[in-house]
Protein backbone atom coordinates (compact mmCIF):
# COMPACT_ATOMS: atom_id res chain seq x y z
CA UNK A 1 -0.05 0.05 -0.03
CA UNK A 2 1.62 3.39 -0.97
CA UNK A 3 2.47 5.71 1.78
CA UNK A 4 1.19 9.34 1.82
CA UNK A 5 3.56 12.09 3.17
CA UNK A 6 2.40 14.33 6.01
CA UNK A 7 3.68 17.59 7.37
CA UNK A 8 2.92 19.49 10.57
CA UNK A 9 0.48 22.26 9.87
CA UNK A 10 -0.07 23.66 13.41
CA UNK A 11 -1.23 23.02 17.01
CA UNK A 12 -4.01 24.37 19.14
CA UNK A 13 -5.94 23.80 22.23
CA UNK A 14 -8.39 20.93 21.84
CA UNK A 15 -11.91 22.27 22.15
CA UNK A 16 -13.27 18.77 22.71
CA UNK A 17 -10.96 17.63 25.61
CA UNK A 18 -9.82 19.79 28.49
CA UNK A 19 -5.94 20.04 28.95
CA UNK A 20 -5.34 18.48 25.58
CA UNK A 21 -4.14 19.84 22.22
CA UNK A 22 -5.01 19.19 18.66
CA UNK A 23 -1.94 18.50 16.41
CA UNK A 24 -2.85 19.12 12.75
CA UNK A 25 -1.05 17.05 10.14
CA UNK A 26 -1.56 17.95 6.43
CA UNK A 27 -1.34 15.79 3.47
CA UNK A 28 1.73 16.77 1.29
CA UNK A 29 0.49 18.03 -1.99
CA UNK A 30 -3.08 17.46 -0.91
CA UNK A 31 -5.98 19.16 0.88
CA UNK A 32 -6.75 16.74 3.65
CA UNK A 33 -5.80 17.26 7.33
CA UNK A 34 -5.32 14.65 10.09
CA UNK A 35 -6.27 16.14 13.51
CA UNK A 36 -4.66 14.21 16.39
CA UNK A 37 -5.49 14.82 20.02
CA UNK A 38 -2.30 14.84 22.21
CA UNK A 39 -1.40 15.52 25.77
CA UNK A 40 0.13 18.72 27.13
CA UNK A 41 3.58 17.21 27.78
CA UNK A 42 3.78 15.93 24.22
CA UNK A 43 2.44 19.24 22.78
CA UNK A 44 5.12 21.01 24.71
CA UNK A 45 7.93 18.69 23.44
CA UNK A 46 6.71 19.04 19.82
CA UNK A 47 6.52 22.88 20.16
CA UNK A 48 10.06 22.99 21.59
CA UNK A 49 11.29 20.74 18.87
CA UNK A 50 9.70 22.71 16.03
CA UNK A 51 11.09 25.99 17.53
CA UNK A 52 14.54 24.25 17.87
CA UNK A 53 14.62 25.29 21.54
CA UNK A 54 17.06 23.41 23.87
CA UNK A 55 16.11 23.27 27.53
CA UNK A 56 18.87 23.32 30.05
CA UNK A 57 18.43 19.71 30.67
CA UNK A 58 17.03 17.31 28.04
CA UNK A 59 13.34 16.36 27.78
CA UNK A 60 12.49 12.76 27.39
CA UNK A 61 12.42 12.98 23.51
CA UNK A 62 15.74 14.72 23.51
CA UNK A 63 17.19 12.05 25.69
CA UNK A 64 15.92 9.37 23.40
CA UNK A 65 17.51 11.06 20.47
CA UNK A 66 20.80 11.34 22.28
CA UNK A 67 20.69 7.68 23.46
CA UNK A 68 19.76 6.40 19.93
CA UNK A 69 22.57 8.45 18.24
CA UNK A 70 25.01 7.33 20.88
CA UNK A 71 24.46 3.69 19.82
CA UNK A 72 24.28 4.55 16.16
CA UNK A 73 20.56 4.18 15.68
CA UNK A 74 18.66 6.44 13.28
CA UNK A 75 14.93 6.92 12.87
CA UNK A 76 14.43 6.88 9.10
CA UNK A 77 10.60 7.55 9.13
CA UNK A 78 7.40 7.53 11.15
CA UNK A 79 4.33 5.86 9.82
CA UNK A 80 0.89 6.31 11.29
CA UNK A 81 -0.31 2.90 10.46
CA UNK A 82 -3.56 2.46 12.28
CA UNK A 83 -6.71 4.21 13.45
CA UNK A 84 -8.56 2.03 15.80
CA UNK A 85 -11.43 3.08 18.09
CA UNK A 86 -10.54 6.73 17.75
CA UNK A 87 -6.86 6.23 18.48
CA UNK A 88 -3.97 6.69 16.08
CA UNK A 89 -1.06 4.25 16.25
CA UNK A 90 2.41 4.74 14.81
CA UNK A 91 5.65 2.97 13.94
CA UNK A 92 9.22 4.18 14.25
CA UNK A 93 11.24 2.80 11.35
CA UNK A 94 14.72 2.42 12.73
CA UNK A 95 17.98 1.84 11.11
CA UNK A 96 20.91 0.12 13.07
CA UNK A 97 23.94 -0.33 10.80
CA UNK A 98 21.75 -1.22 7.83
CA UNK A 99 19.22 -3.44 9.73
CA UNK A 100 15.72 -1.99 9.63
CA UNK A 101 13.44 -2.60 12.61
CA UNK A 102 9.98 -1.18 13.40
CA UNK A 103 8.94 -0.16 16.85
CA UNK A 104 5.38 0.59 18.04
CA UNK A 105 4.93 4.13 19.42
CA UNK A 106 2.26 6.44 20.50
CA UNK A 107 1.64 8.85 17.63
CA UNK A 108 2.56 11.97 19.64
CA UNK A 109 5.81 10.55 20.74
CA UNK A 110 6.69 9.33 17.19
CA UNK A 111 6.04 12.87 15.88
CA UNK A 112 8.12 14.48 18.58
CA UNK A 113 10.94 12.08 17.66
CA UNK A 114 10.42 12.76 13.85
CA UNK A 115 10.98 16.37 14.49
CA UNK A 116 14.22 15.74 16.31
CA UNK A 117 15.54 13.20 13.81
CA UNK A 118 14.24 15.34 10.84
CA UNK A 119 12.70 12.23 9.26
CA UNK A 120 9.53 12.14 7.28
CA UNK A 121 5.95 11.23 8.56
CA UNK A 122 3.70 9.01 6.57
CA UNK A 123 0.28 7.44 6.73
CA UNK A 124 -1.94 5.38 4.34
CA UNK A 125 -5.03 6.31 2.32
CA UNK A 126 -7.38 4.28 4.43
CA UNK A 127 -6.48 6.33 7.45
CA UNK A 128 -6.74 9.71 5.68
CA UNK A 129 -10.10 8.50 4.19
CA UNK A 130 -11.50 7.52 7.55
CA UNK A 131 -10.00 10.24 9.97
CA UNK A 132 -8.94 13.03 7.61
CA UNK A 133 -10.73 16.28 7.15
CA UNK A 134 -11.02 17.99 3.78
CA UNK A 135 -9.95 21.69 3.64
CA UNK A 136 -13.08 23.65 2.60
CA UNK A 137 -13.12 24.79 -0.99
CA UNK A 138 -12.74 28.47 -1.46
CA UNK A 139 -10.24 28.78 1.44
CA UNK A 140 -7.66 30.74 -0.51
CA UNK A 141 -4.83 30.09 2.09
CA UNK A 142 -5.15 26.41 1.76
CA UNK A 143 -5.10 26.14 5.62
CA UNK A 144 -7.88 24.75 7.81
CA UNK A 145 -9.99 27.67 8.82
CA UNK A 146 -9.39 28.70 12.38
CA UNK A 147 -12.31 29.72 14.73
CA UNK A 148 -11.24 32.94 16.19
CA UNK A 149 -13.21 32.46 19.42
CA UNK A 150 -10.43 30.70 21.29
CA UNK A 151 -7.95 33.44 20.50
CA UNK A 152 -9.84 36.55 21.58
CA UNK A 153 -7.52 38.43 23.96
CA UNK A 154 -8.37 38.31 27.66
CA UNK A 155 -6.73 39.65 30.70
CA UNK A 156 -4.21 37.31 32.33
CA UNK A 157 -0.79 37.42 33.97
CA UNK A 158 0.91 38.33 30.73
CA UNK A 159 -1.45 41.01 29.46
CA UNK A 160 0.95 43.80 30.18
CA UNK A 161 3.92 42.31 28.27
CA UNK A 162 4.76 42.81 24.54
CA UNK A 163 5.43 39.83 22.45
CA UNK A 164 9.26 40.44 22.46
CA UNK A 165 9.19 40.51 26.22
CA UNK A 166 7.08 37.34 26.28
CA UNK A 167 9.72 35.59 24.12
CA UNK A 168 12.47 36.62 26.65
CA UNK A 169 10.43 35.35 29.43
CA UNK A 170 9.87 32.06 27.61
CA UNK A 171 13.48 31.56 27.04
CA UNK A 172 14.21 32.21 30.74
CA UNK A 173 11.44 29.91 31.82
CA UNK A 174 12.95 27.08 29.68
CA UNK A 175 16.50 27.62 31.00
CA UNK A 176 15.17 27.51 34.58
CA UNK A 177 13.08 24.41 33.75
CA UNK A 178 9.78 26.06 34.63
CA UNK A 179 7.94 24.15 32.01
CA UNK A 180 4.42 24.89 32.91
CA UNK A 181 5.14 28.56 32.84
CA UNK A 182 6.91 28.22 29.50
CA UNK A 183 3.89 26.30 28.11
CA UNK A 184 1.62 29.29 29.30
CA UNK A 185 3.92 31.82 27.72
CA UNK A 186 4.25 29.85 24.40
CA UNK A 187 0.36 29.71 24.27
CA UNK A 188 0.12 33.46 24.97
CA UNK A 189 2.59 34.17 22.22
CA UNK A 190 0.85 32.01 19.79
CA UNK A 191 -2.56 33.62 20.67
CA UNK A 192 -1.12 37.14 20.09
CA UNK A 193 0.31 36.22 16.72
CA UNK A 194 -2.96 34.71 15.49
CA UNK A 195 -4.95 37.80 16.69
CA UNK A 196 -2.59 40.30 15.16
């Protein structure tokens, strides 16, 4: 069965599950999107990986990458290979000195590792057909329309800061391993960018 390439389109709060995030993967060269609900820790790890930020001490996915590279193991690709009872399943396709192995993984972990190993992400037609969402015709940007409601500015602990100041605070929070604060700062920065 031919594989279909996916790319990370974005991430936002999940409106259906409290404390969770929706990771949106897009079909490369196509118009379908695959929304995947992930936990806060995985969302934070994916966001840090995408931003190429390095905390003072490695997060679990950074540690896994260092461990694998130390023993000459590479992840060649990630394949979202099943969608069962509303849950996505993934495989890590690993290469150890030319020997290929497949390891079962949670999709959120697999994507966090794909970012760090800079390897491609794939799925199959049957999964996109069952769980994918078609981008609406007439949407000139080609992106999934965003409901502005969750991004309306509201008073919070960061309301008095400019975006540049928030970015400085984010870097300091990461360096001091205050990951909950870093997550709130990252979310505030993303909200501001979407509003403005």
